[in-house]
Structure formats: C-alpha cells, structure tokens
N, C-alpha and C. Protein backbone atom coordinates (compact mmCIF):
# COMPACT_ATOMS: atom_id res chain seq x y z
N MET A 1 -74.17 53.12 -127.80
CA MET A 1 -72.99 52.35 -127.44
C MET A 1 -71.97 53.30 -126.79
N LYS A 2 -71.30 52.82 -125.77
CA LYS A 2 -70.33 53.62 -125.03
C LYS A 2 -69.15 54.03 -125.92
N ARG A 3 -68.78 55.32 -125.87
CA ARG A 3 -67.65 55.83 -126.65
C ARG A 3 -66.34 55.42 -125.99
N CYS A 4 -65.31 55.29 -126.79
CA CYS A 4 -64.00 54.91 -126.27
C CYS A 4 -63.37 56.07 -125.51
N PRO A 5 -62.80 55.80 -124.33
CA PRO A 5 -62.17 56.87 -123.56
C PRO A 5 -60.91 57.45 -124.21
N CYS A 6 -60.35 56.78 -125.23
CA CYS A 6 -59.07 57.21 -125.81
C CYS A 6 -59.17 58.50 -126.59
N GLY A 7 -60.38 58.99 -126.85
CA GLY A 7 -60.54 60.25 -127.55
C GLY A 7 -60.87 60.12 -129.02
N LEU A 8 -60.71 58.95 -129.59
CA LEU A 8 -61.13 58.75 -130.97
C LEU A 8 -62.65 58.59 -130.98
N ASP A 9 -63.28 59.03 -131.99
CA ASP A 9 -64.75 59.02 -132.04
C ASP A 9 -65.25 57.66 -132.51
N ARG A 10 -65.04 56.64 -131.67
CA ARG A 10 -65.45 55.28 -132.00
C ARG A 10 -66.08 54.63 -130.76
N PRO A 11 -66.94 53.64 -130.96
CA PRO A 11 -67.46 52.89 -129.82
C PRO A 11 -66.33 52.09 -129.15
N TYR A 12 -66.34 52.04 -127.83
CA TYR A 12 -65.30 51.33 -127.09
C TYR A 12 -65.07 49.90 -127.58
N PRO A 13 -66.12 49.08 -127.80
CA PRO A 13 -65.87 47.70 -128.23
C PRO A 13 -65.16 47.59 -129.59
N LEU A 14 -65.30 48.61 -130.43
CA LEU A 14 -64.68 48.59 -131.75
C LEU A 14 -63.34 49.33 -131.78
N CYS A 15 -62.96 49.90 -130.67
CA CYS A 15 -61.72 50.69 -130.57
C CYS A 15 -60.79 50.01 -129.57
N CYS A 16 -60.53 50.62 -128.44
CA CYS A 16 -59.62 50.05 -127.46
C CYS A 16 -60.15 48.78 -126.82
N GLY A 17 -61.46 48.63 -126.76
CA GLY A 17 -62.04 47.40 -126.21
C GLY A 17 -61.59 46.17 -126.99
N ALA A 18 -61.43 46.30 -128.31
CA ALA A 18 -60.95 45.18 -129.12
C ALA A 18 -59.51 44.83 -128.76
N LEU A 19 -58.69 45.83 -128.47
CA LEU A 19 -57.31 45.56 -128.05
C LEU A 19 -57.29 44.95 -126.66
N HIS A 20 -58.14 45.43 -125.77
CA HIS A 20 -58.21 44.86 -124.42
C HIS A 20 -58.63 43.39 -124.48
N ALA A 21 -59.41 43.05 -125.50
CA ALA A 21 -59.88 41.66 -125.67
C ALA A 21 -58.86 40.77 -126.37
N GLY A 22 -57.73 41.33 -126.82
CA GLY A 22 -56.69 40.50 -127.40
C GLY A 22 -56.19 40.88 -128.78
N LYS A 23 -56.87 41.78 -129.47
CA LYS A 23 -56.40 42.21 -130.79
C LYS A 23 -55.08 42.97 -130.61
N PRO A 24 -54.05 42.67 -131.41
CA PRO A 24 -52.78 43.39 -131.25
C PRO A 24 -52.87 44.84 -131.72
N ALA A 25 -52.16 45.70 -131.04
CA ALA A 25 -52.10 47.12 -131.42
C ALA A 25 -51.21 47.25 -132.65
N PRO A 26 -51.71 47.90 -133.72
CA PRO A 26 -50.90 48.02 -134.93
C PRO A 26 -49.78 49.05 -134.84
N THR A 27 -49.91 50.01 -133.93
CA THR A 27 -48.91 51.07 -133.79
C THR A 27 -48.66 51.36 -132.31
N ALA A 28 -47.54 52.04 -132.05
CA ALA A 28 -47.24 52.44 -130.67
C ALA A 28 -48.30 53.40 -130.15
N GLU A 29 -48.77 54.32 -131.00
CA GLU A 29 -49.80 55.25 -130.56
C GLU A 29 -51.10 54.54 -130.21
N SER A 30 -51.48 53.55 -131.00
CA SER A 30 -52.72 52.82 -130.69
C SER A 30 -52.56 52.06 -129.37
N LEU A 31 -51.36 51.54 -129.10
CA LEU A 31 -51.13 50.87 -127.81
C LEU A 31 -51.22 51.89 -126.67
N MET A 32 -50.62 53.06 -126.85
CA MET A 32 -50.69 54.08 -125.81
C MET A 32 -52.14 54.46 -125.53
N ARG A 33 -52.95 54.64 -126.58
CA ARG A 33 -54.36 54.97 -126.40
C ARG A 33 -55.09 53.84 -125.66
N ALA A 34 -54.78 52.60 -126.03
CA ALA A 34 -55.42 51.45 -125.38
C ALA A 34 -55.00 51.35 -123.91
N ARG A 35 -53.75 51.67 -123.62
CA ARG A 35 -53.29 51.63 -122.23
C ARG A 35 -53.97 52.74 -121.42
N TYR A 36 -54.10 53.93 -121.99
CA TYR A 36 -54.83 55.01 -121.32
C TYR A 36 -56.25 54.53 -121.02
N SER A 37 -56.91 53.95 -122.01
CA SER A 37 -58.28 53.46 -121.82
C SER A 37 -58.33 52.37 -120.76
N ALA A 38 -57.30 51.54 -120.69
CA ALA A 38 -57.25 50.49 -119.66
C ALA A 38 -57.19 51.11 -118.27
N PHE A 39 -56.45 52.20 -118.11
CA PHE A 39 -56.46 52.90 -116.82
C PHE A 39 -57.86 53.41 -116.51
N VAL A 40 -58.55 53.95 -117.50
CA VAL A 40 -59.89 54.51 -117.29
C VAL A 40 -60.89 53.43 -116.90
N VAL A 41 -60.85 52.29 -117.57
CA VAL A 41 -61.83 51.23 -117.30
C VAL A 41 -61.36 50.26 -116.22
N GLY A 42 -60.13 50.42 -115.71
CA GLY A 42 -59.64 49.59 -114.62
C GLY A 42 -59.14 48.22 -115.04
N ASP A 43 -58.57 48.10 -116.24
CA ASP A 43 -58.08 46.82 -116.76
C ASP A 43 -56.58 46.67 -116.49
N ALA A 44 -56.23 46.34 -115.25
CA ALA A 44 -54.83 46.18 -114.86
C ALA A 44 -54.18 45.03 -115.60
N ASP A 45 -54.92 43.97 -115.90
CA ASP A 45 -54.35 42.83 -116.62
C ASP A 45 -53.82 43.26 -117.99
N TYR A 46 -54.57 44.09 -118.70
CA TYR A 46 -54.12 44.56 -120.01
C TYR A 46 -52.85 45.40 -119.85
N LEU A 47 -52.82 46.26 -118.85
CA LEU A 47 -51.64 47.09 -118.63
C LEU A 47 -50.40 46.24 -118.38
N LEU A 48 -50.53 45.21 -117.56
CA LEU A 48 -49.40 44.33 -117.29
C LEU A 48 -49.01 43.52 -118.52
N ARG A 49 -50.00 43.06 -119.25
CA ARG A 49 -49.77 42.25 -120.46
C ARG A 49 -49.05 43.03 -121.55
N THR A 50 -49.22 44.35 -121.57
CA THR A 50 -48.63 45.18 -122.61
C THR A 50 -47.45 46.01 -122.09
N TRP A 51 -46.83 45.54 -121.02
CA TRP A 51 -45.67 46.20 -120.44
C TRP A 51 -44.45 45.36 -120.78
N ALA A 52 -43.35 45.96 -121.20
CA ALA A 52 -42.13 45.23 -121.54
C ALA A 52 -41.68 44.37 -120.37
N SER A 53 -41.24 43.17 -120.65
CA SER A 53 -40.83 42.25 -119.59
C SER A 53 -39.68 42.81 -118.76
N SER A 54 -38.83 43.64 -119.35
CA SER A 54 -37.68 44.19 -118.63
C SER A 54 -38.05 45.30 -117.64
N THR A 55 -39.23 45.89 -117.78
CA THR A 55 -39.61 47.00 -116.90
C THR A 55 -40.96 46.78 -116.21
N ARG A 56 -41.61 45.65 -116.46
CA ARG A 56 -42.95 45.37 -115.93
C ARG A 56 -42.90 45.16 -114.42
N PRO A 57 -43.78 45.83 -113.67
CA PRO A 57 -43.87 45.58 -112.23
C PRO A 57 -44.52 44.21 -111.98
N ALA A 58 -44.32 43.68 -110.79
CA ALA A 58 -44.90 42.38 -110.45
C ALA A 58 -46.42 42.45 -110.37
N SER A 59 -46.94 43.59 -109.96
CA SER A 59 -48.39 43.76 -109.87
C SER A 59 -48.73 45.23 -110.06
N LEU A 60 -50.02 45.48 -110.26
CA LEU A 60 -50.49 46.84 -110.48
C LEU A 60 -51.88 46.95 -109.89
N GLU A 61 -52.07 47.90 -109.00
CA GLU A 61 -53.39 48.11 -108.42
C GLU A 61 -53.98 49.42 -108.94
N LEU A 62 -55.20 49.34 -109.40
CA LEU A 62 -55.92 50.52 -109.87
C LEU A 62 -57.10 50.77 -108.94
N PRO A 63 -57.56 52.01 -108.86
CA PRO A 63 -58.73 52.29 -108.04
C PRO A 63 -59.94 51.51 -108.55
N PRO A 64 -60.85 51.12 -107.67
CA PRO A 64 -62.06 50.44 -108.14
C PRO A 64 -62.78 51.31 -109.18
N GLY A 65 -63.12 50.71 -110.29
CA GLY A 65 -63.78 51.46 -111.36
C GLY A 65 -62.83 52.20 -112.28
N GLY A 66 -61.51 52.12 -112.02
CA GLY A 66 -60.53 52.76 -112.89
C GLY A 66 -60.17 54.17 -112.46
N GLU A 67 -59.22 54.75 -113.16
CA GLU A 67 -58.77 56.12 -112.90
C GLU A 67 -59.78 57.11 -113.48
N PRO A 68 -60.06 58.20 -112.77
CA PRO A 68 -61.06 59.16 -113.25
C PRO A 68 -60.50 60.18 -114.25
N TYR A 69 -59.78 59.70 -115.26
CA TYR A 69 -59.26 60.63 -116.27
C TYR A 69 -60.41 61.27 -117.04
N ILE A 70 -60.19 62.48 -117.51
CA ILE A 70 -61.21 63.25 -118.21
C ILE A 70 -61.01 63.19 -119.72
N ALA A 71 -59.76 63.30 -120.15
CA ALA A 71 -59.49 63.34 -121.59
C ALA A 71 -58.03 63.01 -121.86
N LEU A 72 -57.77 62.59 -123.09
CA LEU A 72 -56.43 62.29 -123.56
C LEU A 72 -56.12 63.19 -124.75
N ARG A 73 -54.92 63.75 -124.75
CA ARG A 73 -54.45 64.53 -125.90
C ARG A 73 -53.10 63.98 -126.33
N VAL A 74 -53.03 63.45 -127.54
CA VAL A 74 -51.76 63.00 -128.09
C VAL A 74 -51.09 64.23 -128.70
N LEU A 75 -49.89 64.52 -128.22
CA LEU A 75 -49.16 65.71 -128.66
C LEU A 75 -48.24 65.41 -129.84
N HIS A 76 -47.62 64.22 -129.83
CA HIS A 76 -46.66 63.88 -130.88
C HIS A 76 -46.38 62.38 -130.86
N SER A 77 -46.30 61.80 -132.03
CA SER A 77 -45.89 60.40 -132.19
C SER A 77 -44.69 60.37 -133.13
N GLU A 78 -43.72 59.54 -132.78
CA GLU A 78 -42.54 59.40 -133.63
C GLU A 78 -42.23 57.92 -133.78
N GLN A 79 -42.02 57.49 -135.01
CA GLN A 79 -41.83 56.08 -135.34
C GLN A 79 -43.04 55.31 -134.82
N GLY A 80 -42.86 54.07 -134.42
CA GLY A 80 -43.96 53.30 -133.84
C GLY A 80 -44.99 52.82 -134.83
N GLY A 81 -44.63 52.77 -136.11
CA GLY A 81 -45.57 52.31 -137.13
C GLY A 81 -45.60 50.79 -137.25
N PRO A 82 -46.40 50.27 -138.16
CA PRO A 82 -46.55 48.83 -138.31
C PRO A 82 -45.26 48.07 -138.62
N THR A 83 -44.27 48.73 -139.23
CA THR A 83 -43.01 48.04 -139.55
C THR A 83 -41.85 48.47 -138.66
N ASP A 84 -42.08 49.38 -137.72
CA ASP A 84 -41.03 49.84 -136.81
C ASP A 84 -40.86 48.87 -135.64
N THR A 85 -39.72 48.99 -134.95
CA THR A 85 -39.49 48.19 -133.74
C THR A 85 -39.40 49.07 -132.50
N TYR A 86 -39.46 50.38 -132.68
CA TYR A 86 -39.36 51.33 -131.58
C TYR A 86 -40.28 52.51 -131.90
N GLY A 87 -40.89 53.07 -130.87
CA GLY A 87 -41.74 54.23 -131.08
C GLY A 87 -41.82 55.08 -129.83
N GLU A 88 -42.17 56.33 -130.01
CA GLU A 88 -42.33 57.27 -128.90
C GLU A 88 -43.63 58.04 -129.08
N VAL A 89 -44.29 58.31 -127.97
CA VAL A 89 -45.53 59.09 -127.99
C VAL A 89 -45.50 60.07 -126.82
N ARG A 90 -45.80 61.33 -127.11
CA ARG A 90 -45.95 62.34 -126.06
C ARG A 90 -47.43 62.64 -125.94
N PHE A 91 -47.91 62.69 -124.69
CA PHE A 91 -49.34 62.91 -124.48
C PHE A 91 -49.60 63.66 -123.20
N GLU A 92 -50.82 64.14 -123.09
CA GLU A 92 -51.35 64.74 -121.86
C GLU A 92 -52.61 63.98 -121.49
N ALA A 93 -52.70 63.59 -120.24
CA ALA A 93 -53.91 62.95 -119.72
C ALA A 93 -54.49 63.88 -118.66
N LEU A 94 -55.69 64.37 -118.93
CA LEU A 94 -56.34 65.29 -118.00
C LEU A 94 -57.06 64.50 -116.91
N HIS A 95 -56.80 64.88 -115.69
CA HIS A 95 -57.30 64.21 -114.49
C HIS A 95 -57.90 65.28 -113.60
N PRO A 96 -58.89 64.96 -112.77
CA PRO A 96 -59.45 65.98 -111.87
C PRO A 96 -58.39 66.66 -110.99
N SER A 97 -57.30 65.95 -110.69
CA SER A 97 -56.27 66.53 -109.83
C SER A 97 -55.18 67.26 -110.61
N GLY A 98 -55.26 67.28 -111.93
CA GLY A 98 -54.25 67.97 -112.74
C GLY A 98 -54.02 67.27 -114.07
N THR A 99 -52.97 67.66 -114.74
CA THR A 99 -52.64 67.09 -116.04
C THR A 99 -51.35 66.31 -115.96
N GLN A 100 -51.40 65.06 -116.38
CA GLN A 100 -50.21 64.22 -116.45
C GLN A 100 -49.65 64.34 -117.86
N ARG A 101 -48.38 64.69 -117.97
CA ARG A 101 -47.71 64.77 -119.27
C ARG A 101 -46.60 63.72 -119.28
N GLU A 102 -46.57 62.94 -120.33
CA GLU A 102 -45.57 61.86 -120.40
C GLU A 102 -45.02 61.70 -121.81
N HIS A 103 -43.75 61.38 -121.86
CA HIS A 103 -43.07 60.99 -123.09
C HIS A 103 -42.85 59.48 -122.94
N SER A 104 -43.66 58.69 -123.61
CA SER A 104 -43.63 57.23 -123.48
C SER A 104 -42.81 56.60 -124.60
N ARG A 105 -42.13 55.51 -124.25
CA ARG A 105 -41.34 54.76 -125.22
C ARG A 105 -41.89 53.34 -125.32
N PHE A 106 -41.92 52.83 -126.54
CA PHE A 106 -42.49 51.52 -126.83
C PHE A 106 -41.52 50.71 -127.68
N ILE A 107 -41.52 49.40 -127.47
CA ILE A 107 -40.71 48.49 -128.26
C ILE A 107 -41.59 47.31 -128.66
N ARG A 108 -41.04 46.47 -129.49
CA ARG A 108 -41.75 45.23 -129.84
C ARG A 108 -41.13 44.07 -129.08
N GLU A 109 -41.99 43.21 -128.55
CA GLU A 109 -41.58 41.94 -127.93
C GLU A 109 -42.42 40.86 -128.57
N GLY A 110 -41.78 39.87 -129.15
CA GLY A 110 -42.53 38.81 -129.81
C GLY A 110 -43.41 39.33 -130.92
N GLY A 111 -43.01 40.43 -131.54
CA GLY A 111 -43.77 41.02 -132.63
C GLY A 111 -44.86 41.99 -132.20
N ALA A 112 -45.14 42.07 -130.90
CA ALA A 112 -46.23 42.93 -130.40
C ALA A 112 -45.66 44.19 -129.74
N TRP A 113 -46.37 45.31 -129.91
CA TRP A 113 -45.98 46.54 -129.24
C TRP A 113 -46.20 46.41 -127.74
N VAL A 114 -45.20 46.87 -126.96
CA VAL A 114 -45.31 46.91 -125.50
C VAL A 114 -44.74 48.24 -125.00
N TYR A 115 -45.23 48.66 -123.84
CA TYR A 115 -44.76 49.89 -123.19
C TYR A 115 -43.43 49.60 -122.52
N LEU A 116 -42.40 50.38 -122.83
CA LEU A 116 -41.09 50.20 -122.21
C LEU A 116 -40.96 51.06 -120.96
N ASN A 117 -41.12 52.36 -121.13
CA ASN A 117 -41.04 53.28 -119.99
C ASN A 117 -41.51 54.66 -120.42
N GLY A 118 -41.56 55.56 -119.47
CA GLY A 118 -42.00 56.91 -119.77
C GLY A 118 -41.35 57.91 -118.84
N THR A 119 -41.28 59.14 -119.31
CA THR A 119 -40.70 60.23 -118.54
C THR A 119 -41.72 61.37 -118.48
N ALA A 120 -41.96 61.85 -117.28
CA ALA A 120 -42.87 63.00 -117.13
C ALA A 120 -42.18 64.25 -117.67
N PHE A 121 -42.98 65.15 -118.22
CA PHE A 121 -42.40 66.42 -118.69
C PHE A 121 -43.36 67.56 -118.38
C-alpha cells in the first residue's frame, strides 16, 4: 500500500487520504500535513476546502500529478490541539528546486481546522 507523503509511517488511505476524503483534521498539525500531502497528490479541491474563507483564493492550479516535493519536516507546533481555536506550525518542505520554509497559522471555521495564512522564513 502506498505510504503517505506527509512523513508519518502510515498508508496514505489511512492517513492524509482519509482527511482528503472528508474526515476532519483533529489538530492544526494534522491539517498542515494533509495540506502538504494534497500538494503532492494534486488535490487542489482539498486545499481550497481547508483554506479560511477570509484568505482563500478564488482558484488554485497545481501541476499535473501534483508538486514534486521530496519530504516534509515539521519543526515546531504551537497550540492547534483538539480544544484550541488557533494554532501555528513551522515546517520545511523539501523540493527538487530547494527548501520551502513556512510558519503557518490555522484557525477554526465551523468547528473545523482551516489554513489562515503563512509566512516564509
């Protein structure tokens, strides 16, 4: 069975694939991992669906087959737990063209975690 691109040692259908199929993310970090995986597998609908309404773009185009990321490293998570309403995650996404580093912020909308915005560092 295909491993999940998020870096956790789980099969994709039982990890981020379940979130892509509609299971809610229990934490901000799990949403960030699922969004990274959505970039890898080319699931623009999931990315838009999990973007805060106040910052969501009208559309999102991904390369055919998804982004060619190599690995994800979560550097730090703050708040973003099952009972929180705000969370932050710092991560590195390794790409053939370099490393993307981001400090992402997440909020809850309608009880679900969504991506608010991020700052490169």
